[in-house]
Amino acid sequence: MPWLTDVLQLDLGLLRAQLDRSPCTVALSTDPTALLTDLGAGRLPVAPRQGRFRVQLVDDGARV
């Protein structure tokens, strides 16, 4: 699963944004839209597009 590192980067980045209460930018090698769309639908990504991607994560203040 070559995209597993990117999933972990997204999770850790979101945690950093929540803990620091400031935006966190993460660099990914997998298209985050394709990756999260497949995972959100409950399926493993088959061949998500590879490249250089940057995602800015923010804590929207929502608490569950």
PDB file of N, CA and C in Angstrom:
ATOM      1  N   MET A   1       0.841  -1.174   0.000  1.00  0.00           N
ATOM      2  CA  MET A   1       0.000   0.000   0.000  1.00  0.00           C
ATOM      3  C   MET A   1       0.891   1.243   0.000  1.00  0.00           C
ATOM      4  N   PRO A   2       1.267   1.699  -1.159  1.00  0.00           N
ATOM      5  CA  PRO A   2       2.178   2.837  -1.256  1.00  0.00           C
ATOM      6  C   PRO A   2       1.584   4.137  -0.719  1.00  0.00           C
ATOM      7  N   TRP A   3       0.289   4.216  -0.587  1.00  0.00           N
ATOM      8  CA  TRP A   3      -0.366   5.445  -0.130  1.00  0.00           C
ATOM      9  C   TRP A   3      -0.571   5.471   1.386  1.00  0.00           C
ATOM     10  N   LEU A   4      -0.190   4.405   2.093  1.00  0.00           N
ATOM     11  CA  LEU A   4      -0.399   4.353   3.540  1.00  0.00           C
ATOM     12  C   LEU A   4       0.342   5.474   4.270  1.00  0.00           C
ATOM     13  N   THR A   5       1.536   5.786   3.828  1.00  0.00           N
ATOM     14  CA  THR A   5       2.297   6.885   4.445  1.00  0.00           C
ATOM     15  C   THR A   5       1.534   8.200   4.328  1.00  0.00           C
ATOM     16  N   ASP A   6       0.882   8.413   3.198  1.00  0.00           N
ATOM     17  CA  ASP A   6       0.118   9.650   3.019  1.00  0.00           C
ATOM     18  C   ASP A   6      -1.090   9.707   3.950  1.00  0.00           C
ATOM     19  N   VAL A   7      -1.735   8.583   4.175  1.00  0.00           N
ATOM     20  CA  VAL A   7      -2.864   8.539   5.114  1.00  0.00           C
ATOM     21  C   VAL A   7      -2.377   8.905   6.513  1.00  0.00           C
ATOM     22  N   LEU A   8      -1.236   8.357   6.900  1.00  0.00           N
ATOM     23  CA  LEU A   8      -0.668   8.688   8.214  1.00  0.00           C
ATOM     24  C   LEU A   8      -0.286  10.162   8.292  1.00  0.00           C
ATOM     25  N   GLN A   9       0.271  10.717   7.221  1.00  0.00           N
ATOM     26  CA  GLN A   9       0.622  12.144   7.206  1.00  0.00           C
ATOM     27  C   GLN A   9      -0.624  13.010   7.398  1.00  0.00           C
ATOM     28  N   LEU A  10      -1.712  12.633   6.750  1.00  0.00           N
ATOM     29  CA  LEU A  10      -2.963  13.381   6.910  1.00  0.00           C
ATOM     30  C   LEU A  10      -3.469  13.308   8.350  1.00  0.00           C
ATOM     31  N   ASP A  11      -3.442  12.118   8.928  1.00  0.00           N
ATOM     32  CA  ASP A  11      -3.903  11.959  10.313  1.00  0.00           C
ATOM     33  C   ASP A  11      -3.040  12.758  11.284  1.00  0.00           C
ATOM     34  N   LEU A  12      -1.725  12.646  11.135  1.00  0.00           N
ATOM     35  CA  LEU A  12      -0.826  13.385  12.026  1.00  0.00           C
ATOM     36  C   LEU A  12      -0.954  14.892  11.823  1.00  0.00           C
ATOM     37  N   GLY A  13      -1.120  15.320  10.592  1.00  0.00           N
ATOM     38  CA  GLY A  13      -1.294  16.742  10.315  1.00  0.00           C
ATOM     39  C   GLY A  13      -2.554  17.295  10.946  1.00  0.00           C
ATOM     40  N   LEU A  14      -3.623  16.529  10.890  1.00  0.00           N
ATOM     41  CA  LEU A  14      -4.866  16.971  11.514  1.00  0.00           C
ATOM     42  C   LEU A  14      -4.711  17.066  13.031  1.00  0.00           C
ATOM     43  N   LEU A  15      -4.030  16.102  13.611  1.00  0.00           N
ATOM     44  CA  LEU A  15      -3.769  16.164  15.055  1.00  0.00           C
ATOM     45  C   LEU A  15      -2.940  17.393  15.414  1.00  0.00           C
ATOM     46  N   ARG A  16      -1.908  17.689  14.603  1.00  0.00           N
ATOM     47  CA  ARG A  16      -1.087  18.884  14.855  1.00  0.00           C
ATOM     48  C   ARG A  16      -1.931  20.148  14.762  1.00  0.00           C
ATOM     49  N   ALA A  17      -2.787  20.220  13.762  1.00  0.00           N
ATOM     50  CA  ALA A  17      -3.645  21.402  13.605  1.00  0.00           C
ATOM     51  C   ALA A  17      -4.575  21.563  14.803  1.00  0.00           C
ATOM     52  N   GLN A  18      -5.082  20.462  15.310  1.00  0.00           N
ATOM     53  CA  GLN A  18      -5.981  20.531  16.463  1.00  0.00           C
ATOM     54  C   GLN A  18      -5.234  20.903  17.733  1.00  0.00           C
ATOM     55  N   LEU A  19      -4.067  20.308  17.932  1.00  0.00           N
ATOM     56  CA  LEU A  19      -3.298  20.593  19.154  1.00  0.00           C
ATOM     57  C   LEU A  19      -2.737  22.014  19.157  1.00  0.00           C
ATOM     58  N   ASP A  20      -2.212  22.449  18.011  1.00  0.00           N
ATOM     59  CA  ASP A  20      -1.604  23.780  17.916  1.00  0.00           C
ATOM     60  C   ASP A  20      -2.630  24.876  17.664  1.00  0.00           C
ATOM     61  N   ARG A  21      -3.829  24.473  17.278  1.00  0.00           N
ATOM     62  CA  ARG A  21      -4.885  25.431  16.917  1.00  0.00           C
ATOM     63  C   ARG A  21      -4.425  26.399  15.828  1.00  0.00           C
ATOM     64  N   SER A  22      -3.662  25.840  14.882  1.00  0.00           N
ATOM     65  CA  SER A  22      -3.219  26.630  13.727  1.00  0.00           C
ATOM     66  C   SER A  22      -3.112  25.684  12.531  1.00  0.00           C
ATOM     67  N   PRO A  23      -3.229  26.228  11.319  1.00  0.00           N
ATOM     68  CA  PRO A  23      -3.169  25.387  10.123  1.00  0.00           C
ATOM     69  C   PRO A  23      -1.858  24.605  10.031  1.00  0.00           C
ATOM     70  N   CYS A  24      -1.947  23.434   9.451  1.00  0.00           N
ATOM     71  CA  CYS A  24      -0.785  22.577   9.252  1.00  0.00           C
ATOM     72  C   CYS A  24      -0.795  22.121   7.787  1.00  0.00           C
ATOM     73  N   THR A  25       0.306  22.289   7.098  1.00  0.00           N
ATOM     74  CA  THR A  25       0.412  21.864   5.708  1.00  0.00           C
ATOM     75  C   THR A  25       1.225  20.581   5.633  1.00  0.00           C
ATOM     76  N   VAL A  26       0.694  19.597   4.908  1.00  0.00           N
ATOM     77  CA  VAL A  26       1.403  18.333   4.735  1.00  0.00           C
ATOM     78  C   VAL A  26       1.652  18.103   3.244  1.00  0.00           C
ATOM     79  N   ALA A  27       2.784  17.480   2.950  1.00  0.00           N
ATOM     80  CA  ALA A  27       3.140  17.117   1.583  1.00  0.00           C
ATOM     81  C   ALA A  27       2.797  15.652   1.370  1.00  0.00           C
ATOM     82  N   LEU A  28       2.158  15.367   0.252  1.00  0.00           N
ATOM     83  CA  LEU A  28       1.737  14.006  -0.058  1.00  0.00           C
ATOM     84  C   LEU A  28       2.235  13.610  -1.450  1.00  0.00           C
ATOM     85  N   SER A  29       2.338  12.313  -1.679  1.00  0.00           N
ATOM     86  CA  SER A  29       2.719  11.827  -3.006  1.00  0.00           C
ATOM     87  C   SER A  29       1.537  11.171  -3.720  1.00  0.00           C
ATOM     88  N   THR A  30       0.370  11.188  -3.073  1.00  0.00           N
ATOM     89  CA  THR A  30      -0.856  10.613  -3.636  1.00  0.00           C
ATOM     90  C   THR A  30      -1.930  11.684  -3.675  1.00  0.00           C
ATOM     91  N   ASP A  31      -2.721  11.690  -4.737  1.00  0.00           N
ATOM     92  CA  ASP A  31      -3.817  12.648  -4.877  1.00  0.00           C
ATOM     93  C   ASP A  31      -4.759  12.507  -3.677  1.00  0.00           C
ATOM     94  N   PRO A  32      -4.831  13.513  -2.797  1.00  0.00           N
ATOM     95  CA  PRO A  32      -5.637  13.382  -1.587  1.00  0.00           C
ATOM     96  C   PRO A  32      -7.136  13.251  -1.861  1.00  0.00           C
ATOM     97  N   THR A  33      -7.622  13.857  -2.926  1.00  0.00           N
ATOM     98  CA  THR A  33      -9.050  13.752  -3.237  1.00  0.00           C
ATOM     99  C   THR A  33      -9.412  12.316  -3.598  1.00  0.00           C
ATOM    100  N   ALA A  34      -8.636  11.710  -4.480  1.00  0.00           N
ATOM    101  CA  ALA A  34      -8.902  10.324  -4.878  1.00  0.00           C
ATOM    102  C   ALA A  34      -8.730   9.378  -3.697  1.00  0.00           C
ATOM    103  N   LEU A  35      -7.692   9.606  -2.931  1.00  0.00           N
ATOM    104  CA  LEU A  35      -7.391   8.759  -1.784  1.00  0.00           C
ATOM    105  C   LEU A  35      -8.525   8.786  -0.761  1.00  0.00           C
ATOM    106  N   LEU A  36      -8.942   9.979  -0.363  1.00  0.00           N
ATOM    107  CA  LEU A  36      -9.972  10.102   0.662  1.00  0.00           C
ATOM    108  C   LEU A  36     -11.364   9.735   0.147  1.00  0.00           C
ATOM    109  N   THR A  37     -11.590   9.931  -1.138  1.00  0.00           N
ATOM    110  CA  THR A  37     -12.879   9.525  -1.718  1.00  0.00           C
ATOM    111  C   THR A  37     -13.047   8.010  -1.634  1.00  0.00           C
ATOM    112  N   ASP A  38     -12.005   7.274  -2.044  1.00  0.00           N
ATOM    113  CA  ASP A  38     -12.086   5.815  -1.985  1.00  0.00           C
ATOM    114  C   ASP A  38     -12.202   5.319  -0.544  1.00  0.00           C
ATOM    115  N   LEU A  39     -11.351   5.823   0.331  1.00  0.00           N
ATOM    116  CA  LEU A  39     -11.394   5.375   1.723  1.00  0.00           C
ATOM    117  C   LEU A  39     -12.720   5.732   2.381  1.00  0.00           C
ATOM    118  N   GLY A  40     -13.244   6.919   2.071  1.00  0.00           N
ATOM    119  CA  GLY A  40     -14.522   7.338   2.631  1.00  0.00           C
ATOM    120  C   GLY A  40     -15.684   6.480   2.156  1.00  0.00           C
ATOM    121  N   ALA A  41     -15.527   5.881   0.971  1.00  0.00           N
ATOM    122  CA  ALA A  41     -16.560   5.003   0.432  1.00  0.00           C
ATOM    123  C   ALA A  41     -16.377   3.561   0.917  1.00  0.00           C
ATOM    124  N   GLY A  42     -15.354   3.340   1.750  1.00  0.00           N
ATOM    125  CA  GLY A  42     -15.143   2.018   2.314  1.00  0.00           C
ATOM    126  C   GLY A  42     -14.392   1.062   1.414  1.00  0.00           C
ATOM    127  N   ARG A  43     -13.638   1.598   0.451  1.00  0.00           N
ATOM    128  CA  ARG A  43     -12.863   0.721  -0.430  1.00  0.00           C
ATOM    129  C   ARG A  43     -11.405   1.162  -0.468  1.00  0.00           C
ATOM    130  N   LEU A  44     -10.526   0.211  -0.713  1.00  0.00           N
ATOM    131  CA  LEU A  44      -9.106   0.522  -0.827  1.00  0.00           C
ATOM    132  C   LEU A  44      -8.842   1.175  -2.174  1.00  0.00           C
ATOM    133  N   PRO A  45      -8.027   2.220  -2.199  1.00  0.00           N
ATOM    134  CA  PRO A  45      -7.666   2.841  -3.471  1.00  0.00           C
ATOM    135  C   PRO A  45      -6.898   1.841  -4.344  1.00  0.00           C
ATOM    136  N   VAL A  46      -7.258   1.759  -5.612  1.00  0.00           N
ATOM    137  CA  VAL A  46      -6.603   0.818  -6.516  1.00  0.00           C
ATOM    138  C   VAL A  46      -5.367   1.443  -7.141  1.00  0.00           C
ATOM    139  N   ALA A  47      -5.520   2.580  -7.767  1.00  0.00           N
ATOM    140  CA  ALA A  47      -4.383   3.234  -8.419  1.00  0.00           C
ATOM    141  C   ALA A  47      -4.576   4.751  -8.383  1.00  0.00           C
ATOM    142  N   PRO A  48      -4.560   5.353  -7.177  1.00  0.00           N
ATOM    143  CA  PRO A  48      -4.737   6.808  -7.123  1.00  0.00           C
ATOM    144  C   PRO A  48      -3.564   7.509  -7.802  1.00  0.00           C
ATOM    145  N   ARG A  49      -3.851   8.665  -8.381  1.00  0.00           N
ATOM    146  CA  ARG A  49      -2.836   9.439  -9.105  1.00  0.00           C
ATOM    147  C   ARG A  49      -1.692   9.809  -8.174  1.00  0.00           C
ATOM    148  N   GLN A  50      -0.477   9.679  -8.672  1.00  0.00           N
ATOM    149  CA  GLN A  50       0.727  10.015  -7.919  1.00  0.00           C
ATOM    150  C   GLN A  50       1.273  11.347  -8.410  1.00  0.00           C
ATOM    151  N   GLY A  51       1.968  12.056  -7.549  1.00  0.00           N
ATOM    152  CA  GLY A  51       2.541  13.351  -7.904  1.00  0.00           C
ATOM    153  C   GLY A  51       2.976  14.068  -6.639  1.00  0.00           C
ATOM    154  N   ARG A  52       3.038  15.373  -6.739  1.00  0.00           N
ATOM    155  CA  ARG A  52       3.371  16.204  -5.578  1.00  0.00           C
ATOM    156  C   ARG A  52       2.134  17.011  -5.202  1.00  0.00           C
ATOM    157  N   PHE A  53       1.675  16.783  -3.993  1.00  0.00           N
ATOM    158  CA  PHE A  53       0.464  17.451  -3.512  1.00  0.00           C
ATOM    159  C   PHE A  53       0.741  18.049  -2.139  1.00  0.00           C
ATOM    160  N   ARG A  54       0.103  19.173  -1.871  1.00  0.00           N
ATOM    161  CA  ARG A  54       0.194  19.809  -0.555  1.00  0.00           C
ATOM    162  C   ARG A  54      -1.231  20.093  -0.103  1.00  0.00           C
ATOM    163  N   VAL A  55      -1.483  19.774   1.162  1.00  0.00           N
ATOM    164  CA  VAL A  55      -2.812  19.974   1.729  1.00  0.00           C
ATOM    165  C   VAL A  55      -2.662  20.775   3.014  1.00  0.00           C
ATOM    166  N   GLN A  56      -3.469  21.826   3.132  1.00  0.00           N
ATOM    167  CA  GLN A  56      -3.479  22.596   4.371  1.00  0.00           C
ATOM    168  C   GLN A  56      -4.651  22.111   5.216  1.00  0.00           C
ATOM    169  N   LEU A  57      -4.339  21.679   6.420  1.00  0.00           N
ATOM    170  CA  LEU A  57      -5.350  21.156   7.340  1.00  0.00           C
ATOM    171  C   LEU A  57      -5.606  22.180   8.427  1.00  0.00           C
ATOM    172  N   VAL A  58      -6.863  22.373   8.775  1.00  0.00           N
ATOM    173  CA  VAL A  58      -7.229  23.315   9.822  1.00  0.00           C
ATOM    174  C   VAL A  58      -8.189  22.653  10.793  1.00  0.00           C
ATOM    175  N   ASP A  59      -8.162  23.102  12.022  1.00  0.00           N
ATOM    176  CA  ASP A  59      -9.127  22.650  13.010  1.00  0.00           C
ATOM    177  C   ASP A  59     -10.342  23.568  12.884  1.00  0.00           C
ATOM    178  N   ASP A  60     -11.450  23.008  12.452  1.00  0.00           N
ATOM    179  CA  ASP A  60     -12.640  23.843  12.250  1.00  0.00           C
ATOM    180  C   ASP A  60     -13.370  24.133  13.553  1.00  0.00           C
ATOM    181  N   GLY A  61     -12.841  23.652  14.654  1.00  0.00           N
ATOM    182  CA  GLY A  61     -13.426  23.940  15.952  1.00  0.00           C
ATOM    183  C   GLY A  61     -14.566  22.998  16.325  1.00  0.00           C
ATOM    184  N   ALA A  62     -14.906  22.077  15.427  1.00  0.00           N
ATOM    185  CA  ALA A  62     -15.994  21.137  15.724  1.00  0.00           C
ATOM    186  C   ALA A  62     -15.515  20.116  16.750  1.00  0.00           C
ATOM    187  N   ARG A  63     -16.288  19.926  17.752  1.00  0.00           N
ATOM    188  CA  ARG A  63     -15.980  18.940  18.783  1.00  0.00           C
ATOM    189  C   ARG A  63     -17.122  17.940  18.840  1.00  0.00           C
ATOM    190  N   VAL A  64     -16.771  16.681  18.918  1.00  0.00           N
ATOM    191  CA  VAL A  64     -17.805  15.639  18.954  1.00  0.00           C
ATOM    192  C   VAL A  64     -18.109  15.288  20.382  1.00  0.00           C
TER     193      VAL A  64
END
